[in-house]
N, C-alpha and C. Protein backbone atom coordinates (compact mmCIF):
# COMPACT_ATOMS: atom_id res chain seq x y z
N MET A 1 0.97 -1.48 0.24
CA MET A 1 -0.30 0.21 -0.01
C MET A 1 0.86 1.29 0.06
N THR A 2 2.21 1.01 0.16
CA THR A 2 3.06 2.61 0.45
C THR A 2 3.46 2.83 -0.69
N THR A 3 3.70 1.99 -2.36
CA THR A 3 3.82 2.51 -3.54
C THR A 3 2.90 3.18 -3.96
N PRO A 4 1.47 2.96 -3.79
CA PRO A 4 0.45 4.28 -4.40
C PRO A 4 0.64 5.90 -3.79
N ILE A 5 0.83 5.46 -2.42
CA ILE A 5 0.61 6.57 -1.81
C ILE A 5 1.93 7.14 -2.34
N HIS A 6 3.00 6.36 -2.37
CA HIS A 6 4.41 7.03 -2.48
C HIS A 6 4.24 8.02 -4.33
N SER A 7 3.24 7.29 -4.71
CA SER A 7 3.61 7.75 -6.49
C SER A 7 2.53 8.97 -6.17
N ALA A 8 1.50 8.54 -5.56
CA ALA A 8 0.71 9.67 -5.10
C ALA A 8 1.57 11.64 -5.27
N SER A 9 2.32 11.18 -4.13
CA SER A 9 3.22 12.52 -3.52
C SER A 9 4.08 13.27 -4.64
N GLN A 10 4.66 12.18 -5.62
CA GLN A 10 5.09 12.72 -6.59
C GLN A 10 4.76 13.28 -7.76
N LEU A 11 3.75 12.88 -7.40
CA LEU A 11 2.11 13.63 -8.45
C LEU A 11 2.17 15.23 -8.09
N ALA A 12 2.47 15.62 -6.60
CA ALA A 12 1.74 16.68 -5.98
C ALA A 12 2.95 17.39 -6.43
N VAL A 13 3.22 18.04 -7.20
CA VAL A 13 3.96 18.94 -8.09
C VAL A 13 3.00 20.37 -7.83
N ASN A 14 4.17 21.40 -7.19
CA ASN A 14 4.29 22.68 -6.85
C ASN A 14 4.53 23.30 -8.19
N VAL A 15 3.47 23.77 -9.10
CA VAL A 15 4.20 24.57 -10.44
C VAL A 15 5.18 26.25 -10.20
N LEU A 16 4.57 26.76 -8.95
CA LEU A 16 5.17 27.99 -8.71
C LEU A 16 6.49 27.60 -7.83
N ASP A 17 7.08 26.69 -6.94
CA ASP A 17 8.07 26.39 -6.67
C ASP A 17 9.24 25.78 -7.93
N ALA A 18 10.52 26.50 -7.49
CA ALA A 18 11.21 25.73 -8.64
C ALA A 18 11.79 24.47 -8.28
N HIS A 19 11.94 24.29 -6.72
CA HIS A 19 12.39 22.89 -6.24
C HIS A 19 11.80 21.45 -6.70
N SER A 20 10.36 22.31 -6.16
CA SER A 20 9.13 21.08 -6.30
C SER A 20 9.15 20.50 -8.12
N LEU A 21 9.50 21.37 -8.75
CA LEU A 21 9.37 21.03 -10.59
C LEU A 21 10.60 20.50 -10.40
N LEU A 22 11.57 20.57 -10.18
CA LEU A 22 12.77 20.24 -10.18
C LEU A 22 12.94 18.58 -9.97
N ALA A 23 12.69 18.45 -8.37
CA ALA A 23 12.15 17.52 -8.14
C ALA A 23 11.77 16.21 -8.94
N ALA A 24 10.92 16.64 -9.34
CA ALA A 24 9.71 15.44 -10.00
C ALA A 24 10.06 15.65 -11.28
N PHE A 25 10.93 16.65 -11.89
CA PHE A 25 10.70 16.07 -14.06
C PHE A 25 12.35 16.51 -14.16
N GLY A 26 13.35 17.20 -13.12
CA GLY A 26 14.44 17.27 -13.88
C GLY A 26 15.11 17.88 -14.47
N VAL A 27 15.57 17.67 -15.69
CA VAL A 27 16.10 18.88 -16.87
C VAL A 27 15.01 18.98 -17.32
N LEU A 28 14.44 17.54 -17.45
CA LEU A 28 13.28 17.71 -18.66
C LEU A 28 12.06 18.86 -18.42
N GLY A 29 12.31 18.85 -16.90
CA GLY A 29 11.29 19.89 -16.73
C GLY A 29 11.76 21.48 -16.96
N VAL A 30 12.84 21.57 -16.90
CA VAL A 30 13.03 22.96 -17.15
C VAL A 30 12.99 23.00 -18.23
N GLY A 31 13.37 22.46 -19.60
CA GLY A 31 13.00 22.49 -20.86
C GLY A 31 11.47 23.60 -21.70
N VAL A 32 10.58 22.13 -20.84
CA VAL A 32 9.42 22.05 -20.66
C VAL A 32 8.68 24.00 -20.30
N VAL A 33 9.49 24.28 -18.87
CA VAL A 33 8.74 25.31 -18.25
C VAL A 33 9.36 26.69 -19.06
N MET A 34 10.72 26.18 -19.56
CA MET A 34 11.23 27.44 -20.37
C MET A 34 9.90 28.29 -21.71
N PHE A 35 9.72 26.62 -22.25
CA PHE A 35 9.20 26.78 -23.73
C PHE A 35 7.58 26.87 -23.39
N ALA A 36 6.94 27.38 -21.85
CA ALA A 36 5.89 27.43 -21.65
C ALA A 36 5.81 28.37 -21.38
N GLU A 37 6.64 29.08 -20.77
CA GLU A 37 6.99 30.63 -20.00
C GLU A 37 6.89 31.33 -21.39
N THR A 38 8.15 30.83 -22.31
CA THR A 38 8.07 32.11 -23.37
C THR A 38 7.21 31.92 -24.47
N GLY A 39 6.55 30.72 -24.85
CA GLY A 39 5.73 30.71 -26.04
C GLY A 39 4.00 30.35 -25.41
N LEU A 40 3.73 29.86 -24.24
CA LEU A 40 2.61 29.74 -24.45
C LEU A 40 1.75 30.86 -23.29
N LEU A 41 0.81 31.99 -23.77
CA LEU A 41 0.92 32.66 -22.44
C LEU A 41 0.16 32.21 -21.13
N VAL A 42 -0.70 31.30 -21.06
CA VAL A 42 -0.53 30.50 -20.25
C VAL A 42 0.66 30.57 -19.04
N GLY A 43 1.99 30.56 -19.41
CA GLY A 43 3.09 29.89 -18.91
C GLY A 43 3.78 31.28 -17.83
N PHE A 44 2.95 32.86 -18.19
CA PHE A 44 3.26 33.66 -17.94
C PHE A 44 3.44 33.74 -16.14
N PHE A 45 3.16 32.81 -15.70
CA PHE A 45 3.16 33.12 -13.76
C PHE A 45 4.37 31.83 -13.57
N LEU A 46 5.01 31.50 -14.59
CA LEU A 46 5.93 30.27 -14.15
C LEU A 46 7.21 31.14 -14.12
N PRO A 47 7.96 30.34 -12.92
CA PRO A 47 8.94 30.88 -12.22
C PRO A 47 10.54 30.06 -13.42
N GLY A 48 10.58 31.40 -14.07
CA GLY A 48 11.62 31.18 -14.82
C GLY A 48 12.89 31.61 -14.87
N ASP A 49 13.15 32.44 -13.93
CA ASP A 49 14.79 33.11 -13.02
C ASP A 49 14.97 32.05 -12.19
N SER A 50 13.75 31.74 -11.16
CA SER A 50 14.40 31.48 -9.88
C SER A 50 14.60 29.61 -10.61
N LEU A 51 14.26 29.10 -11.44
CA LEU A 51 13.89 27.96 -11.54
C LEU A 51 15.31 27.46 -12.55
N LEU A 52 15.84 28.56 -13.23
CA LEU A 52 17.32 28.19 -14.10
C LEU A 52 18.24 28.33 -12.96
N PHE A 53 17.99 29.61 -12.12
CA PHE A 53 18.85 29.70 -10.95
C PHE A 53 19.21 28.59 -9.55
N THR A 54 17.88 28.15 -9.45
CA THR A 54 18.16 26.99 -8.68
C THR A 54 18.33 25.65 -9.41
N ALA A 55 17.94 25.15 -10.83
CA ALA A 55 18.45 24.42 -11.26
C ALA A 55 20.27 24.53 -11.51
N SER A 56 20.64 25.29 -11.53
CA SER A 56 22.09 25.55 -11.65
C SER A 56 22.99 25.32 -10.12
N LEU A 57 22.33 25.70 -9.35
CA LEU A 57 23.04 25.97 -8.02
C LEU A 57 22.83 24.04 -7.98
N LEU A 58 21.77 23.17 -7.76
CA LEU A 58 21.99 21.55 -8.13
C LEU A 58 23.16 21.17 -8.85
N CYS A 59 22.93 21.72 -9.48
CA CYS A 59 24.41 20.97 -10.61
C CYS A 59 25.44 20.88 -10.14
N THR A 60 26.13 21.72 -8.89
CA THR A 60 27.13 22.06 -8.31
C THR A 60 27.62 20.98 -7.30
N GLY A 61 26.53 20.21 -6.93
CA GLY A 61 26.36 18.82 -5.74
C GLY A 61 26.95 20.05 -4.18
N SER A 62 27.09 21.28 -4.42
CA SER A 62 27.11 22.00 -2.75
C SER A 62 25.89 22.33 -1.93
N ALA A 63 24.65 21.89 -3.18
CA ALA A 63 23.24 22.50 -2.03
C ALA A 63 22.85 21.18 -1.27
N GLU A 64 22.11 21.49 -0.44
CA GLU A 64 21.51 19.99 0.44
C GLU A 64 20.59 19.79 -0.23
N SER A 65 20.59 18.93 -0.91
CA SER A 65 19.14 18.42 -1.64
C SER A 65 19.52 16.81 -2.32
N SER A 66 18.08 16.22 -2.32
CA SER A 66 18.30 14.86 -2.63
C SER A 66 18.54 15.12 -4.49
N VAL A 67 18.32 16.36 -4.76
CA VAL A 67 18.03 16.20 -6.54
C VAL A 67 19.78 16.91 -6.80
N HIS A 68 19.91 16.35 -7.83
CA HIS A 68 21.39 16.08 -8.45
C HIS A 68 21.05 16.49 -10.25
N LEU A 69 21.66 17.79 -10.76
CA LEU A 69 21.66 17.73 -12.13
C LEU A 69 22.86 17.99 -12.86
N SER A 70 23.10 17.50 -14.07
CA SER A 70 24.15 17.57 -14.59
C SER A 70 23.96 19.23 -15.79
N LEU A 71 25.25 19.98 -15.36
CA LEU A 71 25.19 21.07 -16.17
C LEU A 71 25.39 20.91 -17.57
N GLY A 72 25.39 20.16 -18.40
CA GLY A 72 25.19 20.20 -19.84
C GLY A 72 24.19 20.13 -20.39
N PRO A 73 23.48 19.15 -20.16
CA PRO A 73 21.90 18.84 -20.43
C PRO A 73 21.04 19.83 -19.79
N LEU A 74 21.22 20.39 -18.64
CA LEU A 74 20.23 21.61 -18.39
C LEU A 74 20.58 22.94 -18.87
N LEU A 75 21.94 23.25 -19.63
CA LEU A 75 22.05 24.11 -20.42
C LEU A 75 21.30 24.13 -21.78
N VAL A 76 21.52 22.60 -22.62
CA VAL A 76 20.67 22.51 -23.68
C VAL A 76 19.60 22.45 -23.63
N ALA A 77 19.25 22.12 -22.36
CA ALA A 77 17.09 22.16 -21.90
C ALA A 77 16.89 23.80 -21.67
N ALA A 78 17.61 23.97 -21.23
CA ALA A 78 17.68 25.67 -20.97
C ALA A 78 17.19 26.48 -22.13
N ALA A 79 18.37 26.32 -23.12
CA ALA A 79 18.64 27.06 -24.16
C ALA A 79 16.96 26.45 -25.41
N ALA A 80 17.47 25.38 -25.35
CA ALA A 80 16.26 25.11 -26.52
C ALA A 80 14.81 25.24 -25.95
N GLY A 81 14.77 25.34 -24.88
CA GLY A 81 13.29 25.45 -24.12
C GLY A 81 12.38 27.03 -24.60
N ALA A 82 13.75 27.56 -24.50
CA ALA A 82 13.56 29.27 -24.60
C ALA A 82 13.61 29.94 -25.70
N LEU A 83 14.48 29.32 -26.72
CA LEU A 83 14.36 29.81 -28.17
C LEU A 83 13.51 28.87 -28.86
N ALA A 84 12.59 27.72 -28.54
CA ALA A 84 11.42 27.28 -29.36
C ALA A 84 10.76 27.78 -28.61
N GLY A 85 10.23 28.18 -27.29
CA GLY A 85 9.27 28.68 -26.62
C GLY A 85 8.70 30.23 -27.30
N ALA A 86 10.11 31.02 -27.64
CA ALA A 86 10.04 32.37 -28.03
C ALA A 86 9.28 32.73 -29.88
N GLN A 87 9.70 31.49 -30.29
CA GLN A 87 9.11 31.39 -31.82
C GLN A 87 7.83 30.63 -31.17
N CYS A 88 7.76 29.62 -31.23
CA CYS A 88 6.11 29.48 -31.42
C CYS A 88 5.37 30.27 -30.49
N GLY A 89 5.86 31.26 -29.83
CA GLY A 89 4.80 32.40 -29.29
C GLY A 89 4.68 33.45 -30.43
N TYR A 90 5.45 33.93 -31.37
CA TYR A 90 5.44 34.31 -32.14
C TYR A 90 4.62 33.83 -33.07
N VAL A 91 5.04 33.03 -33.95
CA VAL A 91 4.22 31.92 -35.17
C VAL A 91 2.55 32.10 -34.35
N LEU A 92 2.26 31.58 -33.15
CA LEU A 92 0.97 31.99 -32.46
C LEU A 92 0.19 33.51 -32.78
N GLY A 93 0.97 34.13 -32.22
CA GLY A 93 1.11 36.01 -33.13
C GLY A 93 0.77 36.57 -34.05
N ARG A 94 1.47 35.62 -34.97
CA ARG A 94 1.00 36.04 -36.23
C ARG A 94 0.18 35.21 -37.03
N LYS A 95 -0.37 34.25 -35.95
CA LYS A 95 -1.73 33.57 -37.08
C LYS A 95 -2.88 33.91 -36.41
N ALA A 96 -2.82 34.41 -35.29
CA ALA A 96 -3.89 34.93 -34.27
C ALA A 96 -4.50 36.46 -34.12
N GLY A 97 -3.13 36.74 -33.93
CA GLY A 97 -3.46 38.15 -34.13
C GLY A 97 -3.42 38.49 -32.44
N GLY A 98 -4.69 39.80 -31.98
CA GLY A 98 -4.72 39.90 -30.69
C GLY A 98 -5.72 39.13 -30.41
N ALA A 99 -6.40 37.89 -30.45
CA ALA A 99 -7.35 36.92 -30.13
C ALA A 99 -6.83 36.22 -29.00
N LEU A 100 -5.94 36.04 -28.92
CA LEU A 100 -5.24 34.98 -27.65
C LEU A 100 -5.39 36.00 -26.85
N LEU A 101 -4.61 37.18 -26.65
CA LEU A 101 -4.95 38.47 -25.24
C LEU A 101 -6.11 38.87 -25.17
N ALA A 102 -7.11 39.25 -26.31
CA ALA A 102 -8.34 39.71 -25.60
C ALA A 102 -9.00 38.69 -24.78
N ARG A 103 -8.96 37.18 -25.20
CA ARG A 103 -9.72 36.07 -24.26
C ARG A 103 -9.12 36.19 -23.11
N SER A 104 -8.10 36.52 -23.02
CA SER A 104 -7.51 36.59 -21.16
C SER A 104 -8.10 37.82 -20.44
N ARG A 105 -8.28 36.95 -19.03
CA ARG A 105 -9.15 38.15 -18.03
C ARG A 105 -7.78 38.62 -17.13
N SER A 106 -7.03 38.29 -17.44
CA SER A 106 -5.32 38.55 -16.22
C SER A 106 -4.85 39.76 -16.45
N GLN A 107 -5.37 40.44 -15.40
CA GLN A 107 -4.84 41.76 -15.68
C GLN A 107 -3.37 42.28 -16.03
N ARG A 108 -2.69 41.31 -14.98
CA ARG A 108 -1.18 41.03 -15.24
C ARG A 108 -0.86 40.81 -16.24
N LEU A 109 -1.31 40.12 -17.18
CA LEU A 109 -0.89 39.85 -18.78
C LEU A 109 -1.44 40.76 -19.50
N HIS A 110 -2.32 41.78 -19.52
CA HIS A 110 -2.80 42.80 -19.79
C HIS A 110 -1.86 43.72 -19.85
N GLU A 111 -1.57 43.71 -18.83
CA GLU A 111 -0.10 44.93 -18.62
C GLU A 111 1.31 44.09 -19.13
N GLY A 112 1.53 43.54 -19.16
CA GLY A 112 2.74 43.05 -19.80
C GLY A 112 2.57 43.19 -21.30
N ALA A 113 1.59 42.86 -21.78
CA ALA A 113 1.18 43.37 -23.46
C ALA A 113 1.65 44.66 -23.64
N LYS A 114 0.92 45.52 -22.65
CA LYS A 114 0.84 47.08 -22.70
C LYS A 114 2.56 47.36 -23.10
N ARG A 115 3.01 46.74 -22.07
CA ARG A 115 4.57 47.15 -21.59
C ARG A 115 5.34 46.56 -22.85
N ALA A 116 5.16 45.39 -23.53
CA ALA A 116 5.65 44.81 -24.54
C ALA A 116 5.54 45.94 -26.27
N GLU A 117 4.60 46.17 -26.04
CA GLU A 117 4.29 47.28 -27.19
C GLU A 117 4.86 48.36 -27.02
N GLU A 118 4.74 48.95 -25.85
CA GLU A 118 5.89 50.26 -25.74
C GLU A 118 7.38 50.03 -25.70
N LEU A 119 7.66 48.63 -25.44
CA LEU A 119 9.32 48.35 -25.91
C LEU A 119 9.28 48.68 -27.19
N LEU A 120 8.97 47.46 -27.71
CA LEU A 120 8.89 47.76 -29.67
C LEU A 120 8.88 49.18 -29.84
N ALA A 121 7.72 49.80 -29.75
CA ALA A 121 7.89 51.20 -30.24
C ALA A 121 8.69 52.03 -29.85
N ARG A 122 8.95 52.12 -28.45
CA ARG A 122 10.31 53.07 -28.06
C ARG A 122 11.63 52.49 -28.13
N TYR A 123 11.78 51.14 -28.50
CA TYR A 123 13.44 51.04 -28.55
C TYR A 123 13.91 50.32 -29.73
N GLY A 124 12.47 49.87 -30.52
CA GLY A 124 12.85 49.28 -32.12
C GLY A 124 12.86 47.93 -31.81
N HIS A 125 12.69 47.35 -32.94
CA HIS A 125 12.51 45.40 -32.58
C HIS A 125 13.27 45.14 -32.21
N ALA A 126 14.96 44.83 -32.66
CA ALA A 126 16.00 44.56 -32.02
C ALA A 126 16.11 43.97 -30.54
N LYS A 127 16.69 45.55 -30.08
CA LYS A 127 16.97 46.07 -29.25
C LYS A 127 15.84 45.90 -27.74
N ALA A 128 14.24 45.79 -28.29
CA ALA A 128 13.18 45.67 -27.31
C ALA A 128 13.12 43.81 -27.03
N ILE A 129 13.31 42.93 -28.46
CA ILE A 129 13.26 41.81 -28.28
C ILE A 129 14.25 41.27 -27.66
N ALA A 130 15.15 41.75 -27.20
CA ALA A 130 16.26 41.22 -26.55
C ALA A 130 16.20 41.66 -25.20
N LEU A 131 15.87 42.76 -24.57
CA LEU A 131 15.50 43.29 -23.40
C LEU A 131 14.30 42.58 -23.05
N ALA A 132 13.31 42.27 -23.52
CA ALA A 132 12.38 41.62 -22.94
C ALA A 132 12.47 40.01 -22.30
N ARG A 133 13.69 39.73 -22.72
CA ARG A 133 13.98 38.64 -22.00
C ARG A 133 14.32 38.38 -20.87
N PHE A 134 14.70 39.64 -20.01
CA PHE A 134 15.11 39.64 -18.85
C PHE A 134 13.96 40.44 -17.70
N VAL A 135 12.69 40.46 -18.86
CA VAL A 135 11.58 41.01 -17.56
C VAL A 135 10.33 39.95 -17.53
N PRO A 136 9.91 39.38 -16.36
CA PRO A 136 9.12 38.39 -16.59
C PRO A 136 7.78 39.15 -17.24
N VAL A 137 6.61 38.36 -17.63
CA VAL A 137 5.75 38.52 -17.99
C VAL A 137 5.62 39.07 -19.20
N VAL A 138 6.62 40.03 -19.40
CA VAL A 138 6.69 40.73 -20.61
C VAL A 138 7.60 39.90 -21.87
N ARG A 139 8.32 38.92 -21.28
CA ARG A 139 8.98 37.84 -22.42
C ARG A 139 7.89 36.94 -22.65
N THR A 140 7.11 36.49 -22.13
CA THR A 140 6.31 35.82 -22.19
C THR A 140 4.95 36.22 -23.40
N VAL A 141 4.86 37.94 -23.29
CA VAL A 141 3.72 38.40 -24.02
C VAL A 141 4.50 38.95 -25.20
N LEU A 142 5.81 39.32 -25.04
CA LEU A 142 6.33 40.67 -26.43
C LEU A 142 6.24 39.24 -27.65
N ASN A 143 6.28 38.20 -27.56
CA ASN A 143 6.50 36.89 -28.50
C ASN A 143 5.65 37.08 -29.28
N PRO A 144 4.21 37.08 -28.91
CA PRO A 144 2.80 36.86 -29.57
C PRO A 144 2.56 38.25 -30.18
N VAL A 145 2.87 39.17 -29.24
CA VAL A 145 2.51 40.58 -29.57
C VAL A 145 3.81 41.11 -30.85
N ALA A 146 4.55 40.79 -30.67
CA ALA A 146 5.80 40.73 -32.24
C ALA A 146 5.04 40.12 -33.35
N GLY A 147 4.68 38.91 -33.41
CA GLY A 147 3.86 37.94 -34.64
C GLY A 147 2.65 38.96 -35.01
N ALA A 148 1.62 39.58 -33.84
CA ALA A 148 0.54 39.99 -33.98
C ALA A 148 1.26 41.61 -34.92
N LEU A 149 2.35 42.06 -34.39
CA LEU A 149 2.25 43.88 -34.81
C LEU A 149 3.56 43.02 -36.22
N GLU A 150 3.47 42.20 -36.88
CA GLU A 150 4.36 41.10 -38.11
C GLU A 150 5.73 42.32 -38.06
N VAL A 151 6.31 41.98 -36.90
CA VAL A 151 7.75 42.06 -37.15
C VAL A 151 8.30 41.01 -37.78
N PRO A 152 9.15 41.66 -38.81
CA PRO A 152 9.51 40.70 -39.75
C PRO A 152 10.31 39.45 -39.08
N VAL A 153 10.25 38.40 -39.77
CA VAL A 153 10.45 37.03 -39.35
C VAL A 153 12.28 37.16 -38.71
N ARG A 154 12.79 37.30 -39.82
CA ARG A 154 14.53 37.57 -39.63
C ARG A 154 14.75 38.26 -38.48
N THR A 155 14.31 39.31 -38.20
CA THR A 155 14.65 40.34 -37.26
C THR A 155 14.26 39.54 -36.18
N PHE A 156 12.91 39.03 -35.90
CA PHE A 156 12.52 38.44 -34.41
C PHE A 156 13.34 37.32 -34.30
N THR A 157 13.64 36.28 -35.10
CA THR A 157 14.59 35.12 -34.86
C THR A 157 15.92 35.64 -34.50
N LEU A 158 16.53 36.27 -35.15
CA LEU A 158 18.08 36.68 -34.76
C LEU A 158 18.05 37.19 -33.60
N TRP A 159 16.98 37.47 -33.03
CA TRP A 159 17.28 38.74 -31.51
C TRP A 159 16.73 38.16 -30.64
N GLN A 160 15.84 37.17 -30.99
CA GLN A 160 15.49 36.33 -29.77
C GLN A 160 16.52 35.34 -29.52
N ILE A 161 17.42 35.01 -30.64
CA ILE A 161 18.10 33.84 -30.33
C ILE A 161 19.05 34.31 -29.29
N ILE A 162 19.47 36.05 -29.92
CA ILE A 162 20.56 36.51 -28.78
C ILE A 162 19.85 37.01 -27.74
N GLY A 163 19.12 37.38 -27.39
CA GLY A 163 18.69 37.16 -25.76
C GLY A 163 17.99 36.50 -25.23
N GLY A 164 17.59 35.22 -26.36
CA GLY A 164 17.53 33.66 -25.19
C GLY A 164 18.79 32.85 -24.85
N LEU A 165 19.56 33.87 -25.96
CA LEU A 165 21.46 32.38 -25.30
C LEU A 165 21.70 33.09 -23.88
N VAL A 166 21.41 34.84 -24.16
CA VAL A 166 22.30 35.31 -23.02
C VAL A 166 21.34 35.05 -21.72
N TRP A 167 20.12 35.21 -21.60
CA TRP A 167 19.22 35.25 -20.32
C TRP A 167 19.23 33.76 -19.95
N SER A 168 18.95 32.94 -20.60
CA SER A 168 19.23 31.23 -20.25
C SER A 168 20.60 30.89 -20.18
N LEU A 169 21.48 31.07 -20.61
CA LEU A 169 22.45 30.60 -20.27
C LEU A 169 23.68 31.40 -19.43
N GLY A 170 23.56 32.15 -19.51
CA GLY A 170 23.91 33.68 -18.72
C GLY A 170 23.69 33.37 -17.45
N LEU A 171 22.71 32.93 -17.10
CA LEU A 171 21.63 33.02 -15.77
C LEU A 171 22.32 31.33 -15.17
N THR A 172 21.84 30.67 -16.00
CA THR A 172 22.35 29.25 -15.25
C THR A 172 23.98 29.54 -14.92
N LEU A 173 24.92 29.64 -15.87
CA LEU A 173 26.21 29.73 -15.84
C LEU A 173 26.45 30.45 -14.23
N ALA A 174 25.86 31.78 -14.39
CA ALA A 174 26.17 32.67 -12.76
C ALA A 174 25.50 31.99 -12.31
N GLY A 175 24.54 31.10 -11.72
CA GLY A 175 24.29 30.76 -10.36
C GLY A 175 25.26 29.13 -10.11
N TYR A 176 25.43 28.68 -11.48
CA TYR A 176 26.56 27.68 -11.12
C TYR A 176 28.04 28.20 -10.64
N ALA A 177 28.53 29.30 -11.19
CA ALA A 177 29.41 29.68 -10.71
C ALA A 177 29.55 30.16 -9.14
N LEU A 178 28.62 30.57 -8.70
CA LEU A 178 28.31 31.40 -7.43
C LEU A 178 27.86 29.73 -6.41
N GLY A 179 27.01 28.76 -7.44
CA GLY A 179 27.03 27.76 -5.84
C GLY A 179 28.36 27.22 -5.93
N SER A 180 29.25 26.92 -7.09
CA SER A 180 30.82 26.23 -6.83
C SER A 180 31.51 27.10 -6.26
N SER A 181 31.45 28.72 -5.88
CA SER A 181 32.07 29.17 -4.95
C SER A 181 31.95 29.28 -3.43
N ILE A 182 30.59 29.00 -3.15
CA ILE A 182 30.16 29.28 -1.65
C ILE A 182 29.53 28.07 -1.29
N PRO A 183 29.89 27.42 -0.24
CA PRO A 183 29.11 26.09 0.15
C PRO A 183 27.82 26.66 0.99
N ASN A 184 26.91 25.47 0.73
CA ASN A 184 25.94 25.96 0.73
C ASN A 184 25.05 27.10 0.69
N VAL A 185 25.32 26.99 -0.55
CA VAL A 185 24.44 28.83 -1.10
C VAL A 185 23.17 28.44 -1.19
N ASP A 186 22.47 27.43 -1.28
CA ASP A 186 21.37 27.01 -1.08
C ASP A 186 20.41 27.66 0.11
N ARG A 187 20.95 28.04 1.08
CA ARG A 187 20.53 28.35 2.07
C ARG A 187 19.69 30.13 1.82
N TYR A 188 20.55 30.52 0.87
CA TYR A 188 19.86 31.90 0.77
C TYR A 188 19.58 32.02 -0.43
N LEU A 189 18.68 30.98 -0.84
CA LEU A 189 18.32 31.09 -2.41
C LEU A 189 17.18 32.45 -2.31
N LEU A 190 16.08 32.40 -1.57
CA LEU A 190 15.61 33.60 -1.79
C LEU A 190 16.05 34.59 -1.87
N PRO A 191 17.00 34.93 -1.22
CA PRO A 191 17.67 36.63 -1.36
C PRO A 191 18.17 36.76 -2.48
N LEU A 192 18.82 35.45 -2.61
CA LEU A 192 19.44 35.33 -4.37
C LEU A 192 18.86 35.47 -5.68
N VAL A 193 17.80 35.05 -5.60
CA VAL A 193 16.98 34.86 -6.53
C VAL A 193 16.38 36.07 -6.75
N THR A 194 16.13 36.73 -5.73
CA THR A 194 15.73 38.42 -5.79
C THR A 194 16.39 39.20 -6.11
N LEU A 195 17.92 38.95 -5.82
CA LEU A 195 18.77 40.03 -6.31
C LEU A 195 18.84 39.39 -7.66
N ILE A 196 19.20 38.41 -8.33
CA ILE A 196 19.07 38.08 -9.78
C ILE A 196 18.25 38.86 -10.56
N ILE A 197 16.95 38.56 -9.89
CA ILE A 197 15.44 39.45 -10.74
C ILE A 197 15.65 41.11 -10.79
N PHE A 198 16.47 41.13 -9.73
CA PHE A 198 16.81 42.44 -9.82
C PHE A 198 17.97 43.71 -10.48
N VAL A 199 18.85 42.11 -10.72
CA VAL A 199 19.80 42.40 -11.84
C VAL A 199 19.66 42.70 -13.45
N SER A 200 18.62 41.44 -13.48
CA SER A 200 18.53 41.30 -14.84
C SER A 200 17.62 42.44 -15.41
N LEU A 201 17.17 43.47 -14.53
CA LEU A 201 16.03 44.38 -15.01
C LEU A 201 16.69 46.03 -15.12
N ILE A 202 18.36 45.57 -14.70
CA ILE A 202 19.16 46.66 -15.10
C ILE A 202 19.22 47.30 -16.24
N PRO A 203 19.40 46.18 -17.50
CA PRO A 203 19.62 46.24 -19.09
C PRO A 203 18.33 47.76 -19.06
N LEU A 204 17.49 46.92 -18.89
CA LEU A 204 15.89 47.44 -19.15
C LEU A 204 16.08 49.44 -18.73
N ALA A 205 16.34 49.08 -17.05
CA ALA A 205 15.93 50.82 -16.32
C ALA A 205 16.89 51.00 -17.00
N ALA A 206 18.16 51.02 -17.71
CA ALA A 206 19.55 51.79 -18.19
C ALA A 206 19.13 52.19 -19.29
N GLU A 207 18.01 51.49 -20.33
CA GLU A 207 17.15 52.17 -21.36
C GLU A 207 16.33 53.53 -21.18
N VAL A 208 15.48 52.98 -19.71
CA VAL A 208 14.41 54.02 -19.84
C VAL A 208 15.17 55.20 -19.07
N HIS A 209 16.56 55.33 -18.44
CA HIS A 209 17.17 56.04 -18.22
C HIS A 209 17.81 57.11 -18.94
N ARG A 210 18.26 56.28 -19.89
CA ARG A 210 19.07 57.01 -21.39
C ARG A 210 17.89 57.62 -22.43
N ALA A 211 16.57 57.08 -22.10
CA ALA A 211 16.33 57.65 -22.99
C ALA A 211 15.10 59.06 -22.57
N ARG A 212 14.72 58.63 -21.23
CA ARG A 212 14.53 60.09 -20.69
C ARG A 212 15.71 60.84 -20.68
N ARG A 213 16.85 60.86 -20.44
CA ARG A 213 17.69 62.06 -20.54
C ARG A 213 18.19 62.25 -21.70
N ASP A 214 17.73 61.52 -22.86
CA ASP A 214 18.05 62.05 -24.43
C ASP A 214 16.54 63.01 -24.50
N GLY A 215 16.03 63.10 -24.06
CA GLY A 215 14.52 63.41 -24.67
C GLY A 215 13.65 63.04 -25.46
N ARG A 216 13.67 62.19 -25.53
CA ARG A 216 12.72 60.75 -26.49
C ARG A 216 11.41 60.92 -26.24
N PRO A 217 10.58 61.04 -27.09
CA PRO A 217 8.98 61.17 -26.94
C PRO A 217 8.69 59.65 -26.52
N GLU A 218 7.95 60.17 -25.19
CA GLU A 218 7.12 58.82 -24.49
C GLU A 218 6.27 58.22 -25.20
N GLY A 219 5.49 59.18 -26.11
CA GLY A 219 4.70 57.96 -27.16
C GLY A 219 3.21 57.92 -26.34
N GLY A 220 3.38 58.91 -25.44
CA GLY A 220 1.94 58.83 -24.78
C GLY A 220 1.84 57.56 -24.03
N CYS A 221 2.99 57.36 -23.34
CA CYS A 221 3.46 55.70 -22.22
C CYS A 221 2.60 56.42 -21.02
N ARG A 222 1.88 56.03 -20.42
CA ARG A 222 1.64 55.74 -18.75
C ARG A 222 2.79 54.98 -17.78
């Protein structure tokens, strides 16, 4: 009777908790979450940044956890999921237009779409597509928005690959380097993830500051 109970406990996965996802699905879960967060609007709530960072810590062997991952497969899964997801989101937006967003009742999702449109209008396609990777929710909705606005396929593909690789591989390698140099670093996971998210927003904040300093028109953005 213990086997069914054990199996049921394994199926009780908290999709909002990075460690729970990794314990249940391992590296495969990273690829699936990366794809869903960047390619499907329903994935906007998934823990992309914290998942990559936590997974990278589990590759070092220094974390006090029963879950251990390999860095090579993790890098492949993270990059493949992020790149394939973004391209899928673009194609869906290209074919469905704004219908996908119109059906959603999530205020957070609509706010993210508005910010995505502002990024595209203010910074141009290339810079906006790359910067969006570092902004939660925006990295989910910008891809279908870019498709709906008919951003050229070559432009979108090139810059989503560049931004996707820098985000997914950069964050993973940063976590791995940190975990390798600090013993039991997982004890400080929550503040570290918060710091990582804050640092990832610096490029966008720098662009906003530069735009205001140069006196660029805000285009009526609120």
